[in-house]
Amino acid sequence: MKYVFIGFGDNWADEIDVDINTAVKMSEEDFEELFKKIDAIKRKHRTEAWYSVGSNESIEYETGAEFVDAVDIREMTEEEYKVFEKFGIIDGEGSILYNINYLYEECKDLEDAVDYDDEEEDY
């Protein structure tokens, strides 16, 4: 079992800084799969994405890759996790993971998706 910190930080309309920090428990396999999904999004997702900040407002991104760049995911210790748990900041299937899974599914639907890391840049 892995203890995982998930953070998100960005700004909405130059008015509100949005910082979300949560923790989850997941298996080693799920942890590895999460990073494979993020890698696929960074390489292939080139359509608009958004993250809801409530009240019918959202932070909009030109691509899913920009959204995952605003996400910080890393392993944490059990002791750190217990602090999050003590304050009720545990999020098993929260909105950040939901967005990552949603964007990944969009990438999977694109059988012939371009792998943007393989493209040569024209100068």
PDB file of N, CA and C in Angstrom:
ATOM      1  N   MET A   1       0.846  -1.177   0.000  1.00  0.00           N
ATOM      2  CA  MET A   1       0.000   0.000   0.000  1.00  0.00           C
ATOM      3  C   MET A   1       0.891   1.240   0.000  1.00  0.00           C
ATOM      4  N   LYS A   2       0.539   2.195  -0.835  1.00  0.00           N
ATOM      5  CA  LYS A   2       1.262   3.473  -0.918  1.00  0.00           C
ATOM      6  C   LYS A   2       0.387   4.578  -0.345  1.00  0.00           C
ATOM      7  N   TYR A   3       1.036   5.492   0.334  1.00  0.00           N
ATOM      8  CA  TYR A   3       0.395   6.716   0.801  1.00  0.00           C
ATOM      9  C   TYR A   3       0.820   7.809  -0.161  1.00  0.00           C
ATOM     10  N   VAL A   4      -0.156   8.503  -0.725  1.00  0.00           N
ATOM     11  CA  VAL A   4       0.138   9.415  -1.825  1.00  0.00           C
ATOM     12  C   VAL A   4      -0.418  10.808  -1.539  1.00  0.00           C
ATOM     13  N   PHE A   5       0.457  11.800  -1.682  1.00  0.00           N
ATOM     14  CA  PHE A   5       0.064  13.203  -1.594  1.00  0.00           C
ATOM     15  C   PHE A   5      -0.369  13.650  -2.985  1.00  0.00           C
ATOM     16  N   ILE A   6      -1.496  14.351  -3.062  1.00  0.00           N
ATOM     17  CA  ILE A   6      -1.962  14.934  -4.320  1.00  0.00           C
ATOM     18  C   ILE A   6      -2.225  16.411  -4.068  1.00  0.00           C
ATOM     19  N   GLY A   7      -1.505  17.226  -4.790  1.00  0.00           N
ATOM     20  CA  GLY A   7      -1.674  18.667  -4.653  1.00  0.00           C
ATOM     21  C   GLY A   7      -2.034  19.285  -5.994  1.00  0.00           C
ATOM     22  N   PHE A   8      -2.722  20.392  -5.932  1.00  0.00           N
ATOM     23  CA  PHE A   8      -3.094  21.130  -7.126  1.00  0.00           C
ATOM     24  C   PHE A   8      -2.989  22.602  -6.793  1.00  0.00           C
ATOM     25  N   GLY A   9      -2.355  23.354  -7.662  1.00  0.00           N
ATOM     26  CA  GLY A   9      -2.248  24.780  -7.429  1.00  0.00           C
ATOM     27  C   GLY A   9      -2.311  25.551  -8.730  1.00  0.00           C
ATOM     28  N   ASP A  10      -3.175  26.533  -8.769  1.00  0.00           N
ATOM     29  CA  ASP A  10      -3.303  27.375  -9.947  1.00  0.00           C
ATOM     30  C   ASP A  10      -4.057  28.636  -9.547  1.00  0.00           C
ATOM     31  N   ASN A  11      -4.336  29.471 -10.516  1.00  0.00           N
ATOM     32  CA  ASN A  11      -5.025  30.725 -10.254  1.00  0.00           C
ATOM     33  C   ASN A  11      -6.222  30.832 -11.175  1.00  0.00           C
ATOM     34  N   TRP A  12      -7.345  31.263 -10.619  1.00  0.00           N
ATOM     35  CA  TRP A  12      -8.556  31.452 -11.410  1.00  0.00           C
ATOM     36  C   TRP A  12      -8.719  32.927 -11.719  1.00  0.00           C
ATOM     37  N   ALA A  13      -8.716  33.275 -12.980  1.00  0.00           N
ATOM     38  CA  ALA A  13      -9.031  34.621 -13.479  1.00  0.00           C
ATOM     39  C   ALA A  13      -8.229  35.726 -12.794  1.00  0.00           C
ATOM     40  N   ASP A  14      -6.991  35.415 -12.400  1.00  0.00           N
ATOM     41  CA  ASP A  14      -6.149  36.394 -11.695  1.00  0.00           C
ATOM     42  C   ASP A  14      -6.826  36.976 -10.465  1.00  0.00           C
ATOM     43  N   GLU A  15      -7.768  36.213  -9.888  1.00  0.00           N
ATOM     44  CA  GLU A  15      -8.496  36.698  -8.716  1.00  0.00           C
ATOM     45  C   GLU A  15      -8.346  35.792  -7.500  1.00  0.00           C
ATOM     46  N   ILE A  16      -8.292  34.497  -7.733  1.00  0.00           N
ATOM     47  CA  ILE A  16      -8.277  33.556  -6.612  1.00  0.00           C
ATOM     48  C   ILE A  16      -7.176  32.525  -6.827  1.00  0.00           C
ATOM     49  N   ASP A  17      -6.307  32.371  -5.835  1.00  0.00           N
ATOM     50  CA  ASP A  17      -5.348  31.276  -5.862  1.00  0.00           C
ATOM     51  C   ASP A  17      -6.051  30.030  -5.356  1.00  0.00           C
ATOM     52  N   VAL A  18      -5.967  28.969  -6.120  1.00  0.00           N
ATOM     53  CA  VAL A  18      -6.606  27.704  -5.760  1.00  0.00           C
ATOM     54  C   VAL A  18      -5.511  26.717  -5.382  1.00  0.00           C
ATOM     55  N   ASP A  19      -5.519  26.281  -4.131  1.00  0.00           N
ATOM     56  CA  ASP A  19      -4.564  25.284  -3.651  1.00  0.00           C
ATOM     57  C   ASP A  19      -5.341  24.168  -2.996  1.00  0.00           C
ATOM     58  N   ILE A  20      -5.170  22.967  -3.508  1.00  0.00           N
ATOM     59  CA  ILE A  20      -5.857  21.797  -2.973  1.00  0.00           C
ATOM     60  C   ILE A  20      -4.795  20.778  -2.600  1.00  0.00           C
ATOM     61  N   ASN A  21      -4.848  20.290  -1.385  1.00  0.00           N
ATOM     62  CA  ASN A  21      -3.928  19.258  -0.927  1.00  0.00           C
ATOM     63  C   ASN A  21      -4.733  18.156  -0.276  1.00  0.00           C
ATOM     64  N   THR A  22      -4.471  16.933  -0.692  1.00  0.00           N
ATOM     65  CA  THR A  22      -5.185  15.801  -0.139  1.00  0.00           C
ATOM     66  C   THR A  22      -4.263  14.593  -0.134  1.00  0.00           C
ATOM     67  N   ALA A  23      -4.735  13.520   0.431  1.00  0.00           N
ATOM     68  CA  ALA A  23      -3.950  12.291   0.490  1.00  0.00           C
ATOM     69  C   ALA A  23      -4.856  11.108   0.180  1.00  0.00           C
ATOM     70  N   VAL A  24      -4.268  10.096  -0.423  1.00  0.00           N
ATOM     71  CA  VAL A  24      -4.997   8.867  -0.730  1.00  0.00           C
ATOM     72  C   VAL A  24      -4.104   7.678  -0.438  1.00  0.00           C
ATOM     73  N   LYS A  25      -4.743   6.536  -0.266  1.00  0.00           N
ATOM     74  CA  LYS A  25      -4.031   5.261  -0.192  1.00  0.00           C
ATOM     75  C   LYS A  25      -4.305   4.538  -1.494  1.00  0.00           C
ATOM     76  N   MET A  26      -3.264   3.957  -2.079  1.00  0.00           N
ATOM     77  CA  MET A  26      -3.471   3.163  -3.285  1.00  0.00           C
ATOM     78  C   MET A  26      -2.420   2.074  -3.364  1.00  0.00           C
ATOM     79  N   SER A  27      -2.734   1.066  -4.156  1.00  0.00           N
ATOM     80  CA  SER A  27      -1.795  -0.039  -4.318  1.00  0.00           C
ATOM     81  C   SER A  27      -0.599   0.426  -5.145  1.00  0.00           C
ATOM     82  N   GLU A  28       0.465  -0.327  -5.078  1.00  0.00           N
ATOM     83  CA  GLU A  28       1.660  -0.054  -5.882  1.00  0.00           C
ATOM     84  C   GLU A  28       1.305  -0.019  -7.369  1.00  0.00           C
ATOM     85  N   GLU A  29       0.452  -0.955  -7.792  1.00  0.00           N
ATOM     86  CA  GLU A  29       0.049  -1.033  -9.198  1.00  0.00           C
ATOM     87  C   GLU A  29      -0.734   0.217  -9.612  1.00  0.00           C
ATOM     88  N   ASP A  30      -1.662   0.654  -8.766  1.00  0.00           N
ATOM     89  CA  ASP A  30      -2.444   1.854  -9.070  1.00  0.00           C
ATOM     90  C   ASP A  30      -1.560   3.100  -9.113  1.00  0.00           C
ATOM     91  N   PHE A  31      -0.557   3.146  -8.231  1.00  0.00           N
ATOM     92  CA  PHE A  31       0.377   4.270  -8.196  1.00  0.00           C
ATOM     93  C   PHE A  31       1.165   4.344  -9.509  1.00  0.00           C
ATOM     94  N   GLU A  32       1.678   3.210  -9.953  1.00  0.00           N
ATOM     95  CA  GLU A  32       2.421   3.162 -11.215  1.00  0.00           C
ATOM     96  C   GLU A  32       1.510   3.501 -12.393  1.00  0.00           C
ATOM     97  N   GLU A  33       0.284   2.986 -12.363  1.00  0.00           N
ATOM     98  CA  GLU A  33      -0.679   3.256 -13.437  1.00  0.00           C
ATOM     99  C   GLU A  33      -1.024   4.743 -13.511  1.00  0.00           C
ATOM    100  N   LEU A  34      -1.118   5.402 -12.367  1.00  0.00           N
ATOM    101  CA  LEU A  34      -1.412   6.828 -12.338  1.00  0.00           C
ATOM    102  C   LEU A  34      -0.359   7.617 -13.107  1.00  0.00           C
ATOM    103  N   PHE A  35       0.911   7.279 -12.918  1.00  0.00           N
ATOM    104  CA  PHE A  35       1.970   7.995 -13.626  1.00  0.00           C
ATOM    105  C   PHE A  35       1.993   7.654 -15.113  1.00  0.00           C
ATOM    106  N   LYS A  36       1.578   6.457 -15.478  1.00  0.00           N
ATOM    107  CA  LYS A  36       1.452   6.109 -16.901  1.00  0.00           C
ATOM    108  C   LYS A  36       0.338   6.939 -17.536  1.00  0.00           C
ATOM    109  N   LYS A  37      -0.744   7.127 -16.811  1.00  0.00           N
ATOM    110  CA  LYS A  37      -1.842   7.949 -17.317  1.00  0.00           C
ATOM    111  C   LYS A  37      -1.398   9.395 -17.502  1.00  0.00           C
ATOM    112  N   ILE A  38      -0.687   9.930 -16.519  1.00  0.00           N
ATOM    113  CA  ILE A  38      -0.202  11.307 -16.612  1.00  0.00           C
ATOM    114  C   ILE A  38       0.745  11.460 -17.801  1.00  0.00           C
ATOM    115  N   ASP A  39       1.616  10.485 -17.996  1.00  0.00           N
ATOM    116  CA  ASP A  39       2.539  10.526 -19.131  1.00  0.00           C
ATOM    117  C   ASP A  39       1.771  10.529 -20.454  1.00  0.00           C
ATOM    118  N   ALA A  40       0.751   9.679 -20.566  1.00  0.00           N
ATOM    119  CA  ALA A  40      -0.051   9.622 -21.794  1.00  0.00           C
ATOM    120  C   ALA A  40      -0.762  10.954 -22.037  1.00  0.00           C
ATOM    121  N   ILE A  41      -1.290  11.560 -20.988  1.00  0.00           N
ATOM    122  CA  ILE A  41      -1.963  12.855 -21.130  1.00  0.00           C
ATOM    123  C   ILE A  41      -0.977  13.908 -21.620  1.00  0.00           C
ATOM    124  N   LYS A  42       0.221  13.933 -21.036  1.00  0.00           N
ATOM    125  CA  LYS A  42       1.225  14.921 -21.439  1.00  0.00           C
ATOM    126  C   LYS A  42       1.629  14.745 -22.898  1.00  0.00           C
ATOM    127  N   ARG A  43       1.684  13.509 -23.354  1.00  0.00           N
ATOM    128  CA  ARG A  43       2.124  13.251 -24.726  1.00  0.00           C
ATOM    129  C   ARG A  43       1.024  13.404 -25.763  1.00  0.00           C
ATOM    130  N   LYS A  44      -0.237  13.158 -25.378  1.00  0.00           N
ATOM    131  CA  LYS A  44      -1.269  13.033 -26.395  1.00  0.00           C
ATOM    132  C   LYS A  44      -2.463  13.973 -26.282  1.00  0.00           C
ATOM    133  N   HIS A  45      -2.744  14.505 -25.118  1.00  0.00           N
ATOM    134  CA  HIS A  45      -3.982  15.275 -24.946  1.00  0.00           C
ATOM    135  C   HIS A  45      -3.787  16.696 -25.439  1.00  0.00           C
ATOM    136  N   ARG A  46      -4.465  17.060 -26.512  1.00  0.00           N
ATOM    137  CA  ARG A  46      -4.296  18.383 -27.109  1.00  0.00           C
ATOM    138  C   ARG A  46      -5.618  19.116 -27.307  1.00  0.00           C
ATOM    139  N   THR A  47      -6.630  18.787 -26.505  1.00  0.00           N
ATOM    140  CA  THR A  47      -7.882  19.524 -26.559  1.00  0.00           C
ATOM    141  C   THR A  47      -8.099  20.205 -25.216  1.00  0.00           C
ATOM    142  N   GLU A  48      -9.075  21.094 -25.165  1.00  0.00           N
ATOM    143  CA  GLU A  48      -9.340  21.856 -23.942  1.00  0.00           C
ATOM    144  C   GLU A  48      -9.621  20.948 -22.752  1.00  0.00           C
ATOM    145  N   ALA A  49      -9.237  21.428 -21.598  1.00  0.00           N
ATOM    146  CA  ALA A  49      -9.539  20.758 -20.331  1.00  0.00           C
ATOM    147  C   ALA A  49      -9.897  21.859 -19.332  1.00  0.00           C
ATOM    148  N   TRP A  50     -10.531  21.470 -18.243  1.00  0.00           N
ATOM    149  CA  TRP A  50     -10.905  22.450 -17.238  1.00  0.00           C
ATOM    150  C   TRP A  50     -10.936  21.780 -15.872  1.00  0.00           C
ATOM    151  N   TYR A  51     -10.878  22.629 -14.834  1.00  0.00           N
ATOM    152  CA  TYR A  51     -10.986  22.158 -13.460  1.00  0.00           C
ATOM    153  C   TYR A  51     -11.967  23.079 -12.747  1.00  0.00           C
ATOM    154  N   SER A  52     -13.037  22.498 -12.233  1.00  0.00           N
ATOM    155  CA  SER A  52     -14.080  23.284 -11.573  1.00  0.00           C
ATOM    156  C   SER A  52     -13.603  23.787 -10.218  1.00  0.00           C
ATOM    157  N   VAL A  53     -13.841  25.076  -9.981  1.00  0.00           N
ATOM    158  CA  VAL A  53     -13.512  25.660  -8.675  1.00  0.00           C
ATOM    159  C   VAL A  53     -14.775  26.076  -7.928  1.00  0.00           C
ATOM    160  N   GLY A  54     -15.924  25.590  -8.386  1.00  0.00           N
ATOM    161  CA  GLY A  54     -17.186  25.857  -7.712  1.00  0.00           C
ATOM    162  C   GLY A  54     -17.927  27.050  -8.284  1.00  0.00           C
ATOM    163  N   SER A  55     -19.164  27.179  -7.890  1.00  0.00           N
ATOM    164  CA  SER A  55     -20.027  28.287  -8.312  1.00  0.00           C
ATOM    165  C   SER A  55     -20.039  28.478  -9.825  1.00  0.00           C
ATOM    166  N   ASN A  56     -20.064  27.390 -10.544  1.00  0.00           N
ATOM    167  CA  ASN A  56     -20.086  27.417 -12.010  1.00  0.00           C
ATOM    168  C   ASN A  56     -18.863  28.090 -12.611  1.00  0.00           C
ATOM    169  N   GLU A  57     -17.769  28.133 -11.894  1.00  0.00           N
ATOM    170  CA  GLU A  57     -16.525  28.699 -12.395  1.00  0.00           C
ATOM    171  C   GLU A  57     -15.500  27.578 -12.535  1.00  0.00           C
ATOM    172  N   SER A  58     -14.600  27.746 -13.485  1.00  0.00           N
ATOM    173  CA  SER A  58     -13.562  26.739 -13.668  1.00  0.00           C
ATOM    174  C   SER A  58     -12.302  27.390 -14.210  1.00  0.00           C
ATOM    175  N   ILE A  59     -11.194  26.719 -13.961  1.00  0.00           N
ATOM    176  CA  ILE A  59      -9.927  27.113 -14.559  1.00  0.00           C
ATOM    177  C   ILE A  59      -9.843  26.360 -15.876  1.00  0.00           C
ATOM    178  N   GLU A  60      -9.629  27.085 -16.940  1.00  0.00           N
ATOM    179  CA  GLU A  60      -9.598  26.459 -18.256  1.00  0.00           C
ATOM    180  C   GLU A  60      -8.156  26.310 -18.728  1.00  0.00           C
ATOM    181  N   TYR A  61      -7.901  25.198 -19.393  1.00  0.00           N
ATOM    182  CA  TYR A  61      -6.580  24.897 -19.929  1.00  0.00           C
ATOM    183  C   TYR A  61      -6.702  24.631 -21.417  1.00  0.00           C
ATOM    184  N   GLU A  62      -5.686  25.015 -22.164  1.00  0.00           N
ATOM    185  CA  GLU A  62      -5.706  24.750 -23.597  1.00  0.00           C
ATOM    186  C   GLU A  62      -5.627  23.255 -23.875  1.00  0.00           C
ATOM    187  N   THR A  63      -4.929  22.526 -23.002  1.00  0.00           N
ATOM    188  CA  THR A  63      -4.794  21.069 -23.168  1.00  0.00           C
ATOM    189  C   THR A  63      -4.831  20.378 -21.810  1.00  0.00           C
ATOM    190  N   GLY A  64      -5.084  19.079 -21.854  1.00  0.00           N
ATOM    191  CA  GLY A  64      -5.009  18.283 -20.631  1.00  0.00           C
ATOM    192  C   GLY A  64      -3.605  18.270 -20.059  1.00  0.00           C
ATOM    193  N   ALA A  65      -2.610  18.379 -20.934  1.00  0.00           N
ATOM    194  CA  ALA A  65      -1.223  18.404 -20.477  1.00  0.00           C
ATOM    195  C   ALA A  65      -0.977  19.592 -19.546  1.00  0.00           C
ATOM    196  N   GLU A  66      -1.593  20.739 -19.847  1.00  0.00           N
ATOM    197  CA  GLU A  66      -1.444  21.898 -18.972  1.00  0.00           C
ATOM    198  C   GLU A  66      -2.074  21.650 -17.604  1.00  0.00           C
ATOM    199  N   PHE A  67      -3.207  20.932 -17.585  1.00  0.00           N
ATOM    200  CA  PHE A  67      -3.834  20.626 -16.296  1.00  0.00           C
ATOM    201  C   PHE A  67      -2.916  19.755 -15.446  1.00  0.00           C
ATOM    202  N   VAL A  68      -2.376  18.669 -16.000  1.00  0.00           N
ATOM    203  CA  VAL A  68      -1.556  17.778 -15.174  1.00  0.00           C
ATOM    204  C   VAL A  68      -0.252  18.440 -14.745  1.00  0.00           C
ATOM    205  N   ASP A  69       0.180  19.489 -15.464  1.00  0.00           N
ATOM    206  CA  ASP A  69       1.355  20.240 -15.012  1.00  0.00           C
ATOM    207  C   ASP A  69       1.068  21.004 -13.720  1.00  0.00           C
ATOM    208  N   ALA A  70      -0.199  21.268 -13.430  1.00  0.00           N
ATOM    209  CA  ALA A  70      -0.581  21.979 -12.207  1.00  0.00           C
ATOM    210  C   ALA A  70      -0.781  21.016 -11.030  1.00  0.00           C
ATOM    211  N   VAL A  71      -0.633  19.723 -11.293  1.00  0.00           N
ATOM    212  CA  VAL A  71      -0.854  18.691 -10.275  1.00  0.00           C
ATOM    213  C   VAL A  71       0.487  18.185  -9.753  1.00  0.00           C
ATOM    214  N   ASP A  72       0.568  18.008  -8.448  1.00  0.00           N
ATOM    215  CA  ASP A  72       1.767  17.476  -7.791  1.00  0.00           C
ATOM    216  C   ASP A  72       1.376  16.165  -7.117  1.00  0.00           C
ATOM    217  N   ILE A  73       1.981  15.076  -7.542  1.00  0.00           N
ATOM    218  CA  ILE A  73       1.680  13.769  -6.958  1.00  0.00           C
ATOM    219  C   ILE A  73       2.992  13.139  -6.522  1.00  0.00           C
ATOM    220  N   ARG A  74       3.017  12.733  -5.273  1.00  0.00           N
ATOM    221  CA  ARG A  74       4.237  12.086  -4.768  1.00  0.00           C
ATOM    222  C   ARG A  74       3.902  11.188  -3.585  1.00  0.00           C
ATOM    223  N   GLU A  75       4.789  10.265  -3.348  1.00  0.00           N
ATOM    224  CA  GLU A  75       4.615   9.349  -2.228  1.00  0.00           C
ATOM    225  C   GLU A  75       4.861  10.109  -0.919  1.00  0.00           C
ATOM    226  N   MET A  76       4.117   9.720   0.106  1.00  0.00           N
ATOM    227  CA  MET A  76       4.298  10.317   1.419  1.00  0.00           C
ATOM    228  C   MET A  76       4.444   9.197   2.451  1.00  0.00           C
ATOM    229  N   THR A  77       4.880   9.544   3.628  1.00  0.00           N
ATOM    230  CA  THR A  77       5.032   8.529   4.678  1.00  0.00           C
ATOM    231  C   THR A  77       3.678   8.248   5.325  1.00  0.00           C
ATOM    232  N   GLU A  78       3.599   7.145   6.032  1.00  0.00           N
ATOM    233  CA  GLU A  78       2.368   6.805   6.748  1.00  0.00           C
ATOM    234  C   GLU A  78       2.076   7.857   7.822  1.00  0.00           C
ATOM    235  N   GLU A  79       3.118   8.370   8.457  1.00  0.00           N
ATOM    236  CA  GLU A  79       2.937   9.397   9.485  1.00  0.00           C
ATOM    237  C   GLU A  79       2.340  10.670   8.879  1.00  0.00           C
ATOM    238  N   GLU A  80       2.835  11.080   7.717  1.00  0.00           N
ATOM    239  CA  GLU A  80       2.270  12.251   7.046  1.00  0.00           C
ATOM    240  C   GLU A  80       0.811  12.012   6.678  1.00  0.00           C
ATOM    241  N   TYR A  81       0.531  10.812   6.178  1.00  0.00           N
ATOM    242  CA  TYR A  81      -0.838  10.462   5.809  1.00  0.00           C
ATOM    243  C   TYR A  81      -1.767  10.566   7.019  1.00  0.00           C
ATOM    244  N   LYS A  82      -1.286  10.118   8.173  1.00  0.00           N
ATOM    245  CA  LYS A  82      -2.105  10.152   9.387  1.00  0.00           C
ATOM    246  C   LYS A  82      -2.468  11.586   9.789  1.00  0.00           C
ATOM    247  N   VAL A  83      -1.594  12.542   9.508  1.00  0.00           N
ATOM    248  CA  VAL A  83      -1.915  13.946   9.775  1.00  0.00           C
ATOM    249  C   VAL A  83      -3.075  14.385   8.884  1.00  0.00           C
ATOM    250  N   PHE A  84      -3.010  14.039   7.597  1.00  0.00           N
ATOM    251  CA  PHE A  84      -4.116  14.357   6.686  1.00  0.00           C
ATOM    252  C   PHE A  84      -5.399  13.682   7.155  1.00  0.00           C
ATOM    253  N   GLU A  85      -5.267  12.426   7.581  1.00  0.00           N
ATOM    254  CA  GLU A  85      -6.424  11.660   8.050  1.00  0.00           C
ATOM    255  C   GLU A  85      -7.030  12.303   9.300  1.00  0.00           C
ATOM    256  N   LYS A  86      -6.183  12.744  10.209  1.00  0.00           N
ATOM    257  CA  LYS A  86      -6.642  13.373  11.456  1.00  0.00           C
ATOM    258  C   LYS A  86      -7.513  14.594  11.173  1.00  0.00           C
ATOM    259  N   PHE A  87      -7.155  15.345  10.137  1.00  0.00           N
ATOM    260  CA  PHE A  87      -7.894  16.553   9.804  1.00  0.00           C
ATOM    261  C   PHE A  87      -8.938  16.335   8.715  1.00  0.00           C
ATOM    262  N   GLY A  88      -9.160  15.080   8.348  1.00  0.00           N
ATOM    263  CA  GLY A  88     -10.199  14.755   7.381  1.00  0.00           C
ATOM    264  C   GLY A  88      -9.883  15.184   5.957  1.00  0.00           C
ATOM    265  N   ILE A  89      -8.607  15.216   5.620  1.00  0.00           N
ATOM    266  CA  ILE A  89      -8.210  15.656   4.274  1.00  0.00           C
ATOM    267  C   ILE A  89      -7.831  14.430   3.437  1.00  0.00           C
ATOM    268  N   ILE A  90      -8.693  13.436   3.462  1.00  0.00           N
ATOM    269  CA  ILE A  90      -8.492  12.193   2.720  1.00  0.00           C
ATOM    270  C   ILE A  90      -9.509  12.164   1.588  1.00  0.00           C
ATOM    271  N   ASP A  91      -9.031  11.813   0.406  1.00  0.00           N
ATOM    272  CA  ASP A  91      -9.890  11.900  -0.770  1.00  0.00           C
ATOM    273  C   ASP A  91      -9.662  10.695  -1.672  1.00  0.00           C
ATOM    274  N   GLY A  92     -10.423   9.648  -1.464  1.00  0.00           N
ATOM    275  CA  GLY A  92     -10.235   8.421  -2.224  1.00  0.00           C
ATOM    276  C   GLY A  92     -10.418   8.565  -3.715  1.00  0.00           C
ATOM    277  N   GLU A  93     -11.475   9.167  -4.159  1.00  0.00           N
ATOM    278  CA  GLU A  93     -11.732   9.355  -5.594  1.00  0.00           C
ATOM    279  C   GLU A  93     -12.079  10.812  -5.850  1.00  0.00           C
ATOM    280  N   GLY A  94     -11.198  11.682  -5.468  1.00  0.00           N
ATOM    281  CA  GLY A  94     -11.466  13.105  -5.558  1.00  0.00           C
ATOM    282  C   GLY A  94     -11.430  13.661  -6.959  1.00  0.00           C
ATOM    283  N   SER A  95     -11.695  14.957  -7.045  1.00  0.00           N
ATOM    284  CA  SER A  95     -11.844  15.596  -8.342  1.00  0.00           C
ATOM    285  C   SER A  95     -10.554  15.620  -9.149  1.00  0.00           C
ATOM    286  N   ILE A  96      -9.402  15.685  -8.508  1.00  0.00           N
ATOM    287  CA  ILE A  96      -8.145  15.695  -9.256  1.00  0.00           C
ATOM    288  C   ILE A  96      -7.936  14.350  -9.935  1.00  0.00           C
ATOM    289  N   LEU A  97      -8.101  13.264  -9.183  1.00  0.00           N
ATOM    290  CA  LEU A  97      -7.964  11.931  -9.786  1.00  0.00           C
ATOM    291  C   LEU A  97      -9.045  11.699 -10.831  1.00  0.00           C
ATOM    292  N   TYR A  98     -10.240  12.203 -10.570  1.00  0.00           N
ATOM    293  CA  TYR A  98     -11.324  12.065 -11.542  1.00  0.00           C
ATOM    294  C   TYR A  98     -10.927  12.729 -12.861  1.00  0.00           C
ATOM    295  N   ASN A  99     -10.395  13.961 -12.791  1.00  0.00           N
ATOM    296  CA  ASN A  99      -9.991  14.660 -14.007  1.00  0.00           C
ATOM    297  C   ASN A  99      -8.880  13.916 -14.741  1.00  0.00           C
ATOM    298  N   ILE A 100      -7.912  13.394 -14.004  1.00  0.00           N
ATOM    299  CA  ILE A 100      -6.828  12.643 -14.638  1.00  0.00           C
ATOM    300  C   ILE A 100      -7.390  11.424 -15.358  1.00  0.00           C
ATOM    301  N   ASN A 101      -8.266  10.684 -14.693  1.00  0.00           N
ATOM    302  CA  ASN A 101      -8.862   9.506 -15.328  1.00  0.00           C
ATOM    303  C   ASN A 101      -9.700   9.880 -16.544  1.00  0.00           C
ATOM    304  N   TYR A 102     -10.440  10.978 -16.452  1.00  0.00           N
ATOM    305  CA  TYR A 102     -11.269  11.437 -17.565  1.00  0.00           C
ATOM    306  C   TYR A 102     -10.400  11.817 -18.767  1.00  0.00           C
ATOM    307  N   LEU A 103      -9.348  12.598 -18.533  1.00  0.00           N
ATOM    308  CA  LEU A 103      -8.466  13.011 -19.625  1.00  0.00           C
ATOM    309  C   LEU A 103      -7.755  11.814 -20.238  1.00  0.00           C
ATOM    310  N   TYR A 104      -7.394  10.849 -19.398  1.00  0.00           N
ATOM    311  CA  TYR A 104      -6.741   9.642 -19.906  1.00  0.00           C
ATOM    312  C   TYR A 104      -7.693   8.859 -20.809  1.00  0.00           C
ATOM    313  N   GLU A 105      -8.950   8.757 -20.411  1.00  0.00           N
ATOM    314  CA  GLU A 105      -9.929   8.055 -21.248  1.00  0.00           C
ATOM    315  C   GLU A 105     -10.082   8.749 -22.597  1.00  0.00           C
ATOM    316  N   GLU A 106     -10.036  10.078 -22.601  1.00  0.00           N
ATOM    317  CA  GLU A 106     -10.081  10.801 -23.872  1.00  0.00           C
ATOM    318  C   GLU A 106      -8.874  10.442 -24.735  1.00  0.00           C
ATOM    319  N   CYS A 107      -7.709  10.297 -24.126  1.00  0.00           N
ATOM    320  CA  CYS A 107      -6.505   9.911 -24.877  1.00  0.00           C
ATOM    321  C   CYS A 107      -6.641   8.497 -25.430  1.00  0.00           C
ATOM    322  N   LYS A 108      -7.191   7.602 -24.628  1.00  0.00           N
ATOM    323  CA  LYS A 108      -7.345   6.218 -25.082  1.00  0.00           C
ATOM    324  C   LYS A 108      -8.289   6.133 -26.269  1.00  0.00           C
ATOM    325  N   ASP A 109      -9.268   7.025 -26.310  1.00  0.00           N
ATOM    326  CA  ASP A 109     -10.227   7.016 -27.413  1.00  0.00           C
ATOM    327  C   ASP A 109      -9.594   7.472 -28.723  1.00  0.00           C
ATOM    328  N   LEU A 110      -8.434   8.084 -28.646  1.00  0.00           N
ATOM    329  CA  LEU A 110      -7.756   8.567 -29.841  1.00  0.00           C
ATOM    330  C   LEU A 110      -6.722   7.530 -30.282  1.00  0.00           C
ATOM    331  N   GLU A 111      -7.180   6.517 -30.990  1.00  0.00           N
ATOM    332  CA  GLU A 111      -6.292   5.433 -31.409  1.00  0.00           C
ATOM    333  C   GLU A 111      -5.080   5.948 -32.173  1.00  0.00           C
ATOM    334  N   ASP A 112      -5.296   6.961 -33.012  1.00  0.00           N
ATOM    335  CA  ASP A 112      -4.211   7.473 -33.835  1.00  0.00           C
ATOM    336  C   ASP A 112      -3.664   8.784 -33.283  1.00  0.00           C
ATOM    337  N   ALA A 113      -3.756   8.931 -31.980  1.00  0.00           N
ATOM    338  CA  ALA A 113      -3.312  10.184 -31.375  1.00  0.00           C
ATOM    339  C   ALA A 113      -1.835  10.414 -31.651  1.00  0.00           C
ATOM    340  N   VAL A 114      -1.511  11.641 -31.892  1.00  0.00           N
ATOM    341  CA  VAL A 114      -0.126  12.009 -32.137  1.00  0.00           C
ATOM    342  C   VAL A 114       0.620  11.989 -30.819  1.00  0.00           C
ATOM    343  N   ASP A 115       1.794  11.403 -30.827  1.00  0.00           N
ATOM    344  CA  ASP A 115       2.659  11.459 -29.660  1.00  0.00           C
ATOM    345  C   ASP A 115       3.522  12.701 -29.845  1.00  0.00           C
ATOM    346  N   TYR A 116       3.188  13.772 -29.133  1.00  0.00           N
ATOM    347  CA  TYR A 116       3.823  15.054 -29.365  1.00  0.00           C
ATOM    348  C   TYR A 116       5.294  15.072 -28.987  1.00  0.00           C
ATOM    349  N   ASP A 117       5.757  14.134 -28.185  1.00  0.00           N
ATOM    350  CA  ASP A 117       7.180  14.057 -27.882  1.00  0.00           C
ATOM    351  C   ASP A 117       7.971  13.570 -29.087  1.00  0.00           C
ATOM    352  N   ASP A 118       7.323  12.894 -30.028  1.00  0.00           N
ATOM    353  CA  ASP A 118       8.001  12.354 -31.197  1.00  0.00           C
ATOM    354  C   ASP A 118       8.033  13.320 -32.370  1.00  0.00           C
ATOM    355  N   GLU A 119       7.287  14.415 -32.286  1.00  0.00           N
ATOM    356  CA  GLU A 119       7.255  15.365 -33.386  1.00  0.00           C
ATOM    357  C   GLU A 119       8.532  16.185 -33.435  1.00  0.00           C
ATOM    358  N   GLU A 120       8.990  16.456 -34.635  1.00  0.00           N
ATOM    359  CA  GLU A 120      10.144  17.332 -34.797  1.00  0.00           C
ATOM    360  C   GLU A 120       9.647  18.764 -34.904  1.00  0.00           C
ATOM    361  N   GLU A 121      10.372  19.666 -34.294  1.00  0.00           N
ATOM    362  CA  GLU A 121       9.992  21.064 -34.363  1.00  0.00           C
ATOM    363  C   GLU A 121      10.609  21.691 -35.595  1.00  0.00           C
ATOM    364  N   ASP A 122       9.839  22.539 -36.278  1.00  0.00           N
ATOM    365  CA  ASP A 122      10.329  23.278 -37.429  1.00  0.00           C
ATOM    366  C   ASP A 122      10.816  24.640 -36.969  1.00  0.00           C
ATOM    367  N   TYR A 123      11.991  25.005 -37.399  1.00  0.00           N
ATOM    368  CA  TYR A 123      12.523  26.327 -37.060  1.00  0.00           C
ATOM    369  C   TYR A 123      12.711  27.150 -38.303  1.00  0.00           C
TER     370      TYR A 123
END
